PDB file of all heavy atoms in Angstrom:
ATOM      1  N   ASP A   1      55.916 119.983 141.056  1.00  0.00           N
ATOM      2  CA  ASP A   1      54.985 119.033 140.682  1.00  0.00           C
ATOM      3  C   ASP A   1      54.846 118.942 138.993  1.00  0.00           C
ATOM      4  O   ASP A   1      54.672 117.764 138.645  1.00  0.00           O
ATOM      5  CB  ASP A   1      53.590 119.480 141.201  1.00  0.00           C
ATOM      6  CG  ASP A   1      53.619 119.311 142.758  1.00  0.00           C
ATOM      7  OD1 ASP A   1      54.507 118.679 143.379  1.00  0.00           O
ATOM      8  OD2 ASP A   1      52.550 119.831 143.322  1.00  0.00           O
ATOM      9  N   GLU A   2      54.882 120.072 138.338  1.00  0.00           N
ATOM     10  CA  GLU A   2      54.725 120.003 136.924  1.00  0.00           C
ATOM     11  C   GLU A   2      56.067 119.282 136.436  1.00  0.00           C
ATOM     12  O   GLU A   2      55.907 118.493 135.442  1.00  0.00           O
ATOM     13  CB  GLU A   2      54.764 121.456 136.374  1.00  0.00           C
ATOM     14  CG  GLU A   2      53.413 122.093 136.670  1.00  0.00           C
ATOM     15  CD  GLU A   2      53.324 123.543 136.237  1.00  0.00           C
ATOM     16  OE1 GLU A   2      54.443 124.074 135.814  1.00  0.00           O
ATOM     17  OE2 GLU A   2      52.234 124.048 136.210  1.00  0.00           O
ATOM     18  N   LEU A   3      57.195 119.473 137.036  1.00  0.00           N
ATOM     19  CA  LEU A   3      58.433 118.829 136.576  1.00  0.00           C
ATOM     20  C   LEU A   3      58.370 117.413 136.708  1.00  0.00           C
ATOM     21  O   LEU A   3      58.703 116.588 135.909  1.00  0.00           O
ATOM     22  CB  LEU A   3      59.630 119.385 137.203  1.00  0.00           C
ATOM     23  CG  LEU A   3      61.005 118.803 136.922  1.00  0.00           C
ATOM     24  CD1 LEU A   3      61.340 118.927 135.512  1.00  0.00           C
ATOM     25  CD2 LEU A   3      62.131 119.436 137.857  1.00  0.00           C
ATOM     26  N   ASP A   4      57.866 117.028 137.912  1.00  0.00           N
ATOM     27  CA  ASP A   4      57.676 115.546 138.324  1.00  0.00           C
ATOM     28  C   ASP A   4      56.743 114.876 137.371  1.00  0.00           C
ATOM     29  O   ASP A   4      57.003 113.679 136.869  1.00  0.00           O
ATOM     30  CB  ASP A   4      57.269 115.388 139.642  1.00  0.00           C
ATOM     31  CG  ASP A   4      58.389 115.703 140.720  1.00  0.00           C
ATOM     32  OD1 ASP A   4      59.521 115.788 140.236  1.00  0.00           O
ATOM     33  OD2 ASP A   4      58.175 115.663 141.929  1.00  0.00           O
ATOM     34  N   ASP A   5      55.734 115.489 136.799  1.00  0.00           N
ATOM     35  CA  ASP A   5      54.827 115.009 135.849  1.00  0.00           C
ATOM     36  C   ASP A   5      55.557 114.766 134.536  1.00  0.00           C
ATOM     37  O   ASP A   5      55.411 113.676 133.861  1.00  0.00           O
ATOM     38  CB  ASP A   5      53.594 116.025 135.662  1.00  0.00           C
ATOM     39  CG  ASP A   5      52.583 115.334 134.764  1.00  0.00           C
ATOM     40  OD1 ASP A   5      52.078 114.252 134.981  1.00  0.00           O
ATOM     41  OD2 ASP A   5      52.227 116.079 133.757  1.00  0.00           O
ATOM     42  N   LYS A   6      56.298 115.649 134.100  1.00  0.00           N
ATOM     43  CA  LYS A   6      57.042 115.627 132.903  1.00  0.00           C
ATOM     44  C   LYS A   6      58.145 114.513 132.931  1.00  0.00           C
ATOM     45  O   LYS A   6      58.307 113.711 132.004  1.00  0.00           O
ATOM     46  CB  LYS A   6      57.765 116.986 132.485  1.00  0.00           C
ATOM     47  CG  LYS A   6      56.858 118.015 132.151  1.00  0.00           C
ATOM     48  CD  LYS A   6      57.543 119.287 131.903  1.00  0.00           C
ATOM     49  CE  LYS A   6      56.596 120.424 131.529  1.00  0.00           C
ATOM     50  NZ  LYS A   6      57.274 121.715 131.341  1.00  0.00           N
ATOM     51  N   ILE A   7      58.783 114.320 134.184  1.00  0.00           N
ATOM     52  CA  ILE A   7      59.705 113.244 134.294  1.00  0.00           C
ATOM     53  C   ILE A   7      59.008 111.926 134.228  1.00  0.00           C
ATOM     54  O   ILE A   7      59.480 110.981 133.528  1.00  0.00           O
ATOM     55  CB  ILE A   7      60.372 113.369 135.701  1.00  0.00           C
ATOM     56  CG1 ILE A   7      61.320 114.609 135.785  1.00  0.00           C
ATOM     57  CG2 ILE A   7      61.185 112.038 136.068  1.00  0.00           C
ATOM     58  CD1 ILE A   7      61.799 114.805 137.151  1.00  0.00           C
ATOM     59  N   ALA A   8      57.804 111.765 134.718  1.00  0.00           N
ATOM     60  CA  ALA A   8      57.041 110.485 134.686  1.00  0.00           C
ATOM     61  C   ALA A   8      56.672 110.205 133.315  1.00  0.00           C
ATOM     62  O   ALA A   8      56.896 109.011 132.826  1.00  0.00           O
ATOM     63  CB  ALA A   8      55.873 110.575 135.582  1.00  0.00           C
ATOM     64  N   LYS A   9      56.363 111.201 132.569  1.00  0.00           N
ATOM     65  CA  LYS A   9      55.994 110.911 131.194  1.00  0.00           C
ATOM     66  C   LYS A   9      57.160 110.484 130.307  1.00  0.00           C
ATOM     67  O   LYS A   9      57.075 109.634 129.471  1.00  0.00           O
ATOM     68  CB  LYS A   9      55.244 112.159 130.544  1.00  0.00           C
ATOM     69  CG  LYS A   9      53.930 112.378 131.086  1.00  0.00           C
ATOM     70  CD  LYS A   9      53.357 113.727 130.570  1.00  0.00           C
ATOM     71  CE  LYS A   9      51.916 113.871 131.226  1.00  0.00           C
ATOM     72  NZ  LYS A   9      51.300 115.154 130.741  1.00  0.00           N
ATOM     73  N   LEU A  10      58.320 111.158 130.580  1.00  0.00           N
ATOM     74  CA  LEU A  10      59.552 110.972 129.827  1.00  0.00           C
ATOM     75  C   LEU A  10      60.027 109.495 130.177  1.00  0.00           C
ATOM     76  O   LEU A  10      60.403 108.780 129.330  1.00  0.00           O
ATOM     77  CB  LEU A  10      60.688 112.006 130.102  1.00  0.00           C
ATOM     78  CG  LEU A  10      61.971 111.819 129.393  1.00  0.00           C
ATOM     79  CD1 LEU A  10      61.799 111.645 127.947  1.00  0.00           C
ATOM     80  CD2 LEU A  10      62.927 112.948 129.760  1.00  0.00           C
ATOM     81  N   GLU A  11      59.967 109.147 131.496  1.00  0.00           N
ATOM     82  CA  GLU A  11      60.408 107.730 131.905  1.00  0.00           C
ATOM     83  C   GLU A  11      59.434 106.801 131.257  1.00  0.00           C
ATOM     84  O   GLU A  11      60.024 105.725 130.722  1.00  0.00           O
ATOM     85  CB  GLU A  11      60.346 107.615 133.377  1.00  0.00           C
ATOM     86  CG  GLU A  11      61.481 108.495 134.002  1.00  0.00           C
ATOM     87  CD  GLU A  11      61.425 108.379 135.512  1.00  0.00           C
ATOM     88  OE1 GLU A  11      60.327 108.282 136.162  1.00  0.00           O
ATOM     89  OE2 GLU A  11      62.476 108.627 136.117  1.00  0.00           O
ATOM     90  N   ALA A  12      58.130 107.076 131.132  1.00  0.00           N
ATOM     91  CA  ALA A  12      57.265 106.172 130.459  1.00  0.00           C
ATOM     92  C   ALA A  12      57.710 105.967 128.994  1.00  0.00           C
ATOM     93  O   ALA A  12      57.740 104.831 128.310  1.00  0.00           O
ATOM     94  CB  ALA A  12      55.891 106.654 130.612  1.00  0.00           C
ATOM     95  N   PHE A  13      58.078 107.095 128.278  1.00  0.00           N
ATOM     96  CA  PHE A  13      58.381 107.001 126.962  1.00  0.00           C
ATOM     97  C   PHE A  13      59.755 106.166 126.706  1.00  0.00           C
ATOM     98  O   PHE A  13      59.886 105.444 125.851  1.00  0.00           O
ATOM     99  CB  PHE A  13      58.535 108.466 126.401  1.00  0.00           C
ATOM    100  CG  PHE A  13      59.096 108.469 124.973  1.00  0.00           C
ATOM    101  CD1 PHE A  13      58.194 108.208 123.990  1.00  0.00           C
ATOM    102  CD2 PHE A  13      60.375 108.902 124.666  1.00  0.00           C
ATOM    103  CE1 PHE A  13      58.660 108.151 122.632  1.00  0.00           C
ATOM    104  CE2 PHE A  13      60.802 108.924 123.354  1.00  0.00           C
ATOM    105  CZ  PHE A  13      59.896 108.447 122.380  1.00  0.00           C
ATOM    106  N   ILE A  14      60.607 106.395 127.625  1.00  0.00           N
ATOM    107  CA  ILE A  14      61.888 105.884 127.637  1.00  0.00           C
ATOM    108  C   ILE A  14      61.720 104.279 127.751  1.00  0.00           C
ATOM    109  O   ILE A  14      62.437 103.512 127.064  1.00  0.00           O
ATOM    110  CB  ILE A  14      62.943 106.323 128.647  1.00  0.00           C
ATOM    111  CG1 ILE A  14      63.355 107.743 128.323  1.00  0.00           C
ATOM    112  CG2 ILE A  14      64.129 105.415 128.885  1.00  0.00           C
ATOM    113  CD1 ILE A  14      64.188 108.511 129.312  1.00  0.00           C
ATOM    114  N   GLY A  15      60.696 103.828 128.402  1.00  0.00           N
ATOM    115  CA  GLY A  15      60.428 102.520 128.594  1.00  0.00           C
ATOM    116  C   GLY A  15      59.545 101.866 127.444  1.00  0.00           C
ATOM    117  O   GLY A  15      59.172 100.693 127.519  1.00  0.00           O
ATOM    118  N   SER A  16      59.344 102.660 126.429  1.00  0.00           N
ATOM    119  CA  SER A  16      58.396 102.211 125.390  1.00  0.00           C
ATOM    120  C   SER A  16      59.155 101.760 124.095  1.00  0.00           C
ATOM    121  O   SER A  16      60.339 102.008 124.036  1.00  0.00           O
ATOM    122  CB  SER A  16      57.498 103.430 124.992  1.00  0.00           C
ATOM    123  OG  SER A  16      58.207 104.311 124.147  1.00  0.00           O
ATOM    124  N   THR A  17      58.375 101.148 123.308  1.00  0.00           N
ATOM    125  CA  THR A  17      58.937 100.612 122.003  1.00  0.00           C
ATOM    126  C   THR A  17      59.340 101.759 121.086  1.00  0.00           C
ATOM    127  O   THR A  17      60.240 101.743 120.327  1.00  0.00           O
ATOM    128  CB  THR A  17      58.135  99.631 121.248  1.00  0.00           C
ATOM    129  OG1 THR A  17      56.909 100.205 121.103  1.00  0.00           O
ATOM    130  CG2 THR A  17      58.006  98.292 122.129  1.00  0.00           C
ATOM    131  N   ARG A  18      58.495 102.918 121.209  1.00  0.00           N
ATOM    132  CA  ARG A  18      58.727 104.171 120.397  1.00  0.00           C
ATOM    133  C   ARG A  18      60.200 104.685 120.713  1.00  0.00           C
ATOM    134  O   ARG A  18      60.900 105.148 119.727  1.00  0.00           O
ATOM    135  CB  ARG A  18      57.789 105.210 120.606  1.00  0.00           C
ATOM    136  CG  ARG A  18      56.364 104.828 119.982  1.00  0.00           C
ATOM    137  CD  ARG A  18      55.330 105.872 120.268  1.00  0.00           C
ATOM    138  NE  ARG A  18      55.662 107.225 120.048  1.00  0.00           N
ATOM    139  CZ  ARG A  18      55.265 108.277 120.601  1.00  0.00           C
ATOM    140  NH1 ARG A  18      54.275 108.200 121.473  1.00  0.00           N
ATOM    141  NH2 ARG A  18      55.781 109.590 120.373  1.00  0.00           N
ATOM    142  N   PHE A  19      60.546 104.606 121.968  1.00  0.00           N
ATOM    143  CA  PHE A  19      61.883 105.047 122.269  1.00  0.00           C
ATOM    144  C   PHE A  19      62.974 104.197 121.663  1.00  0.00           C
ATOM    145  O   PHE A  19      63.928 104.727 121.136  1.00  0.00           O
ATOM    146  CB  PHE A  19      62.053 105.022 123.924  1.00  0.00           C
ATOM    147  CG  PHE A  19      63.503 105.354 124.448  1.00  0.00           C
ATOM    148  CD1 PHE A  19      63.856 106.678 124.400  1.00  0.00           C
ATOM    149  CD2 PHE A  19      64.381 104.380 124.746  1.00  0.00           C
ATOM    150  CE1 PHE A  19      65.134 107.025 124.866  1.00  0.00           C
ATOM    151  CE2 PHE A  19      65.528 104.562 125.248  1.00  0.00           C
ATOM    152  CZ  PHE A  19      66.045 105.948 125.229  1.00  0.00           C
ATOM    153  N   GLU A  20      62.739 102.863 121.663  1.00  0.00           N
ATOM    154  CA  GLU A  20      63.693 101.973 120.935  1.00  0.00           C
ATOM    155  C   GLU A  20      63.785 102.204 119.564  1.00  0.00           C
ATOM    156  O   GLU A  20      64.959 101.876 118.950  1.00  0.00           O
ATOM    157  CB  GLU A  20      63.342 100.429 121.359  1.00  0.00           C
ATOM    158  CG  GLU A  20      63.397 100.109 122.823  1.00  0.00           C
ATOM    159  CD  GLU A  20      64.745 100.207 123.369  1.00  0.00           C
ATOM    160  OE1 GLU A  20      65.792  99.956 122.694  1.00  0.00           O
ATOM    161  OE2 GLU A  20      64.832 100.734 124.585  1.00  0.00           O
ATOM    162  N   ASN A  21      62.913 102.750 118.815  1.00  0.00           N
ATOM    163  CA  ASN A  21      63.008 103.036 117.387  1.00  0.00           C
ATOM    164  C   ASN A  21      63.746 104.286 117.080  1.00  0.00           C
ATOM    165  O   ASN A  21      63.990 104.567 116.007  1.00  0.00           O
ATOM    166  CB  ASN A  21      61.455 103.137 116.796  1.00  0.00           C
ATOM    167  CG  ASN A  21      60.803 101.784 116.898  1.00  0.00           C
ATOM    168  OD1 ASN A  21      61.537 100.671 116.693  1.00  0.00           O
ATOM    169  ND2 ASN A  21      59.547 101.744 117.009  1.00  0.00           N
ATOM    170  N   LEU A  22      64.078 105.066 118.143  1.00  0.00           N
ATOM    171  CA  LEU A  22      64.875 106.284 117.851  1.00  0.00           C
ATOM    172  C   LEU A  22      66.339 105.868 117.616  1.00  0.00           C
ATOM    173  O   LEU A  22      66.708 104.896 118.194  1.00  0.00           O
ATOM    174  CB  LEU A  22      64.788 107.235 119.152  1.00  0.00           C
ATOM    175  CG  LEU A  22      63.459 107.778 119.502  1.00  0.00           C
ATOM    176  CD1 LEU A  22      63.630 108.605 120.767  1.00  0.00           C
ATOM    177  CD2 LEU A  22      62.889 108.770 118.339  1.00  0.00           C
ATOM    178  N   ASP A  23      66.953 106.867 117.015  1.00  0.00           N
ATOM    179  CA  ASP A  23      68.390 106.573 116.808  1.00  0.00           C
ATOM    180  C   ASP A  23      69.223 106.667 118.186  1.00  0.00           C
ATOM    181  O   ASP A  23      68.623 107.246 119.086  1.00  0.00           O
ATOM    182  CB  ASP A  23      69.057 107.522 115.756  1.00  0.00           C
ATOM    183  CG  ASP A  23      68.900 108.998 116.316  1.00  0.00           C
ATOM    184  OD1 ASP A  23      67.831 109.549 115.881  1.00  0.00           O
ATOM    185  OD2 ASP A  23      69.798 109.522 116.741  1.00  0.00           O
ATOM    186  N   GLU A  24      70.338 106.138 118.235  1.00  0.00           N
ATOM    187  CA  GLU A  24      71.117 105.988 119.449  1.00  0.00           C
ATOM    188  C   GLU A  24      71.428 107.445 119.994  1.00  0.00           C
ATOM    189  O   GLU A  24      71.374 107.679 121.225  1.00  0.00           O
ATOM    190  CB  GLU A  24      72.406 105.295 119.130  1.00  0.00           C
ATOM    191  CG  GLU A  24      73.221 105.109 120.456  1.00  0.00           C
ATOM    192  CD  GLU A  24      74.459 104.428 120.317  1.00  0.00           C
ATOM    193  OE1 GLU A  24      74.771 103.951 119.141  1.00  0.00           O
ATOM    194  OE2 GLU A  24      75.238 104.174 121.206  1.00  0.00           O
ATOM    195  N   ARG A  25      71.687 108.439 119.105  1.00  0.00           N
ATOM    196  CA  ARG A  25      72.054 109.809 119.596  1.00  0.00           C
ATOM    197  C   ARG A  25      70.916 110.294 120.458  1.00  0.00           C
ATOM    198  O   ARG A  25      71.033 110.912 121.529  1.00  0.00           O
ATOM    199  CB  ARG A  25      72.406 110.619 118.486  1.00  0.00           C
ATOM    200  CG  ARG A  25      72.747 112.035 118.807  1.00  0.00           C
ATOM    201  CD  ARG A  25      73.173 112.798 117.531  1.00  0.00           C
ATOM    202  NE  ARG A  25      73.498 114.201 117.827  1.00  0.00           N
ATOM    203  CZ  ARG A  25      73.673 115.037 116.873  1.00  0.00           C
ATOM    204  NH1 ARG A  25      73.581 114.744 115.612  1.00  0.00           N
ATOM    205  NH2 ARG A  25      74.105 116.244 117.308  1.00  0.00           N
ATOM    206  N   ASN A  26      69.727 110.328 119.821  1.00  0.00           N
ATOM    207  CA  ASN A  26      68.426 110.749 120.452  1.00  0.00           C
ATOM    208  C   ASN A  26      68.087 110.013 121.731  1.00  0.00           C
ATOM    209  O   ASN A  26      67.722 110.600 122.817  1.00  0.00           O
ATOM    210  CB  ASN A  26      67.270 110.821 119.486  1.00  0.00           C
ATOM    211  CG  ASN A  26      67.297 112.038 118.655  1.00  0.00           C
ATOM    212  OD1 ASN A  26      67.332 113.148 119.114  1.00  0.00           O
ATOM    213  ND2 ASN A  26      67.360 111.923 117.357  1.00  0.00           N
ATOM    214  N   ARG A  27      68.292 108.735 121.780  1.00  0.00           N
ATOM    215  CA  ARG A  27      68.072 107.982 123.031  1.00  0.00           C
ATOM    216  C   ARG A  27      68.929 108.371 124.090  1.00  0.00           C
ATOM    217  O   ARG A  27      68.529 108.629 125.215  1.00  0.00           O
ATOM    218  CB  ARG A  27      68.260 106.481 122.665  1.00  0.00           C
ATOM    219  CG  ARG A  27      67.102 105.913 121.938  1.00  0.00           C
ATOM    220  CD  ARG A  27      67.183 104.302 121.957  1.00  0.00           C
ATOM    221  NE  ARG A  27      68.406 103.686 121.670  1.00  0.00           N
ATOM    222  CZ  ARG A  27      68.899 103.304 120.567  1.00  0.00           C
ATOM    223  NH1 ARG A  27      68.132 103.459 119.414  1.00  0.00           N
ATOM    224  NH2 ARG A  27      70.055 102.760 120.413  1.00  0.00           N
ATOM    225  N   LYS A  28      70.263 108.583 123.851  1.00  0.00           N
ATOM    226  CA  LYS A  28      71.229 109.068 124.723  1.00  0.00           C
ATOM    227  C   LYS A  28      70.887 110.359 125.373  1.00  0.00           C
ATOM    228  O   LYS A  28      70.992 110.736 126.501  1.00  0.00           O
ATOM    229  CB  LYS A  28      72.658 109.018 124.234  1.00  0.00           C
ATOM    230  CG  LYS A  28      73.239 107.548 124.033  1.00  0.00           C
ATOM    231  CD  LYS A  28      74.584 107.716 123.640  1.00  0.00           C
ATOM    232  CE  LYS A  28      75.259 106.285 123.530  1.00  0.00           C
ATOM    233  NZ  LYS A  28      76.652 106.272 123.094  1.00  0.00           N
ATOM    234  N   LEU A  29      70.450 111.238 124.385  1.00  0.00           N
ATOM    235  CA  LEU A  29      70.207 112.669 124.820  1.00  0.00           C
ATOM    236  C   LEU A  29      68.897 112.635 125.765  1.00  0.00           C
ATOM    237  O   LEU A  29      68.839 113.401 126.800  1.00  0.00           O
ATOM    238  CB  LEU A  29      69.863 113.465 123.592  1.00  0.00           C
ATOM    239  CG  LEU A  29      71.196 113.860 122.836  1.00  0.00           C
ATOM    240  CD1 LEU A  29      70.803 114.583 121.544  1.00  0.00           C
ATOM    241  CD2 LEU A  29      72.018 114.822 123.660  1.00  0.00           C
ATOM    242  N   LEU A  30      67.870 111.851 125.444  1.00  0.00           N
ATOM    243  CA  LEU A  30      66.692 111.827 126.258  1.00  0.00           C
ATOM    244  C   LEU A  30      66.991 111.191 127.629  1.00  0.00           C
ATOM    245  O   LEU A  30      66.435 111.694 128.617  1.00  0.00           O
ATOM    246  CB  LEU A  30      65.556 110.967 125.620  1.00  0.00           C
ATOM    247  CG  LEU A  30      64.895 111.811 124.424  1.00  0.00           C
ATOM    248  CD1 LEU A  30      64.004 110.778 123.606  1.00  0.00           C
ATOM    249  CD2 LEU A  30      64.124 112.848 124.951  1.00  0.00           C
ATOM    250  N   VAL A  31      67.840 110.132 127.704  1.00  0.00           N
ATOM    251  CA  VAL A  31      68.271 109.632 128.957  1.00  0.00           C
ATOM    252  C   VAL A  31      68.964 110.685 129.797  1.00  0.00           C
ATOM    253  O   VAL A  31      68.766 110.753 131.037  1.00  0.00           O
ATOM    254  CB  VAL A  31      69.067 108.305 128.771  1.00  0.00           C
ATOM    255  CG1 VAL A  31      69.713 107.867 130.089  1.00  0.00           C
ATOM    256  CG2 VAL A  31      68.123 107.287 128.209  1.00  0.00           C
ATOM    257  N   ALA A  32      69.791 111.406 129.238  1.00  0.00           N
ATOM    258  CA  ALA A  32      70.590 112.387 129.909  1.00  0.00           C
ATOM    259  C   ALA A  32      69.769 113.627 130.359  1.00  0.00           C
ATOM    260  O   ALA A  32      69.743 114.063 131.465  1.00  0.00           O
ATOM    261  CB  ALA A  32      71.706 113.056 128.911  1.00  0.00           C
ATOM    262  N   GLN A  33      68.692 113.968 129.421  1.00  0.00           N
ATOM    263  CA  GLN A  33      67.705 114.891 129.811  1.00  0.00           C
ATOM    264  C   GLN A  33      66.947 114.454 131.056  1.00  0.00           C
ATOM    265  O   GLN A  33      66.629 115.247 131.959  1.00  0.00           O
ATOM    266  CB  GLN A  33      66.757 115.213 128.605  1.00  0.00           C
ATOM    267  CG  GLN A  33      65.721 116.145 129.008  1.00  0.00           C
ATOM    268  CD  GLN A  33      64.789 116.432 127.788  1.00  0.00           C
ATOM    269  OE1 GLN A  33      65.215 116.413 126.643  1.00  0.00           O
ATOM    270  NE2 GLN A  33      63.478 116.587 127.945  1.00  0.00           N
ATOM    271  N   CYS A  34      66.541 113.214 131.115  1.00  0.00           N
ATOM    272  CA  CYS A  34      65.736 112.730 132.222  1.00  0.00           C
ATOM    273  C   CYS A  34      66.587 112.790 133.556  1.00  0.00           C
ATOM    274  O   CYS A  34      66.153 113.246 134.552  1.00  0.00           O
ATOM    275  CB  CYS A  34      65.324 111.276 131.909  1.00  0.00           C
ATOM    276  SG  CYS A  34      64.171 110.578 133.053  1.00  0.00           S
ATOM    277  N   GLY A  35      67.870 112.511 133.384  1.00  0.00           N
ATOM    278  CA  GLY A  35      68.700 112.564 134.629  1.00  0.00           C
ATOM    279  C   GLY A  35      68.900 113.993 135.044  1.00  0.00           C
ATOM    280  O   GLY A  35      68.764 114.218 136.309  1.00  0.00           O
ATOM    281  N   VAL A  36      68.987 114.968 134.251  1.00  0.00           N
ATOM    282  CA  VAL A  36      69.012 116.410 134.534  1.00  0.00           C
ATOM    283  C   VAL A  36      67.703 116.774 135.269  1.00  0.00           C
ATOM    284  O   VAL A  36      67.711 117.482 136.195  1.00  0.00           O
ATOM    285  CB  VAL A  36      69.431 117.296 133.532  1.00  0.00           C
ATOM    286  CG1 VAL A  36      69.353 118.686 133.828  1.00  0.00           C
ATOM    287  CG2 VAL A  36      70.875 116.835 133.013  1.00  0.00           C
ATOM    288  N   MET A  37      66.664 116.378 134.682  1.00  0.00           N
ATOM    289  CA  MET A  37      65.320 116.769 135.213  1.00  0.00           C
ATOM    290  C   MET A  37      65.240 116.304 136.581  1.00  0.00           C
ATOM    291  O   MET A  37      64.580 116.882 137.393  1.00  0.00           O
ATOM    292  CB  MET A  37      64.141 116.233 134.127  1.00  0.00           C
ATOM    293  CG  MET A  37      64.178 116.993 132.970  1.00  0.00           C
ATOM    294  SD  MET A  37      63.135 116.236 131.747  1.00  0.00           S
ATOM    295  CE  MET A  37      61.479 116.545 132.346  1.00  0.00           C
ATOM    296  N   ARG A  38      65.604 114.978 136.862  1.00  0.00           N
ATOM    297  CA  ARG A  38      65.484 114.321 138.302  1.00  0.00           C
ATOM    298  C   ARG A  38      66.352 115.183 139.165  1.00  0.00           C
ATOM    299  O   ARG A  38      65.939 115.352 140.326  1.00  0.00           O
ATOM    300  CB  ARG A  38      65.983 112.863 138.179  1.00  0.00           C
ATOM    301  CG  ARG A  38      64.897 111.906 137.697  1.00  0.00           C
ATOM    302  CD  ARG A  38      65.394 110.503 137.875  1.00  0.00           C
ATOM    303  NE  ARG A  38      65.053 109.673 136.758  1.00  0.00           N
ATOM    304  CZ  ARG A  38      65.946 109.091 136.071  1.00  0.00           C
ATOM    305  NH1 ARG A  38      67.159 109.221 136.370  1.00  0.00           N
ATOM    306  NH2 ARG A  38      65.596 108.426 134.946  1.00  0.00           N
ATOM    307  N   ARG A  39      67.471 115.604 138.727  1.00  0.00           N
ATOM    308  CA  ARG A  39      68.452 116.329 139.593  1.00  0.00           C
ATOM    309  C   ARG A  39      67.801 117.687 139.941  1.00  0.00           C
ATOM    310  O   ARG A  39      67.834 118.147 141.070  1.00  0.00           O
ATOM    311  CB  ARG A  39      69.747 116.535 138.956  1.00  0.00           C
ATOM    312  CG  ARG A  39      70.690 117.354 139.765  1.00  0.00           C
ATOM    313  CD  ARG A  39      71.277 116.611 140.937  1.00  0.00           C
ATOM    314  NE  ARG A  39      72.287 117.473 141.578  1.00  0.00           N
ATOM    315  CZ  ARG A  39      72.172 117.614 142.946  1.00  0.00           C
ATOM    316  NH1 ARG A  39      71.305 117.126 143.738  1.00  0.00           N
ATOM    317  NH2 ARG A  39      73.217 118.457 143.434  1.00  0.00           N
ATOM    318  N   TYR A  40      67.224 118.334 138.993  1.00  0.00           N
ATOM    319  CA  TYR A  40      66.536 119.552 139.167  1.00  0.00           C
ATOM    320  C   TYR A  40      65.331 119.383 140.177  1.00  0.00           C
ATOM    321  O   TYR A  40      65.150 120.263 141.076  1.00  0.00           O
ATOM    322  CB  TYR A  40      65.996 120.158 137.692  1.00  0.00           C
ATOM    323  CG  TYR A  40      65.252 121.384 137.831  1.00  0.00           C
ATOM    324  CD1 TYR A  40      65.546 122.342 138.713  1.00  0.00           C
ATOM    325  CD2 TYR A  40      64.320 121.718 136.831  1.00  0.00           C
ATOM    326  CE1 TYR A  40      64.885 123.522 138.676  1.00  0.00           C
ATOM    327  CE2 TYR A  40      63.701 122.866 136.709  1.00  0.00           C
ATOM    328  CZ  TYR A  40      63.992 123.821 137.664  1.00  0.00           C
ATOM    329  OH  TYR A  40      63.326 125.042 137.646  1.00  0.00           O
ATOM    330  N   SER A  41      64.578 118.362 140.039  1.00  0.00           N
ATOM    331  CA  SER A  41      63.470 118.040 140.982  1.00  0.00           C
ATOM    332  C   SER A  41      64.015 117.967 142.385  1.00  0.00           C
ATOM    333  O   SER A  41      63.416 118.437 143.392  1.00  0.00           O
ATOM    334  CB  SER A  41      62.699 116.804 140.572  1.00  0.00           C
ATOM    335  OG  SER A  41      61.718 116.517 141.484  1.00  0.00           O
ATOM    336  N   THR A  42      65.229 117.218 142.559  1.00  0.00           N
ATOM    337  CA  THR A  42      65.778 117.096 143.824  1.00  0.00           C
ATOM    338  C   THR A  42      66.139 118.355 144.506  1.00  0.00           C
ATOM    339  O   THR A  42      65.934 118.747 145.728  1.00  0.00           O
ATOM    340  CB  THR A  42      66.953 116.190 143.715  1.00  0.00           C
ATOM    341  OG1 THR A  42      66.573 114.909 143.288  1.00  0.00           O
ATOM    342  CG2 THR A  42      67.735 116.011 145.065  1.00  0.00           C
TER     343      THR A  42
END
């Protein structure tokens, strides 16, 4: 449940303009992190 809450917050951030203002390297890392977190939840 705690992990799913963090995933929801990260996905909301990824959909925000603040995310778009990050450099490409950090955007890719955060998207990869989100994917791993989803797999962990599964």
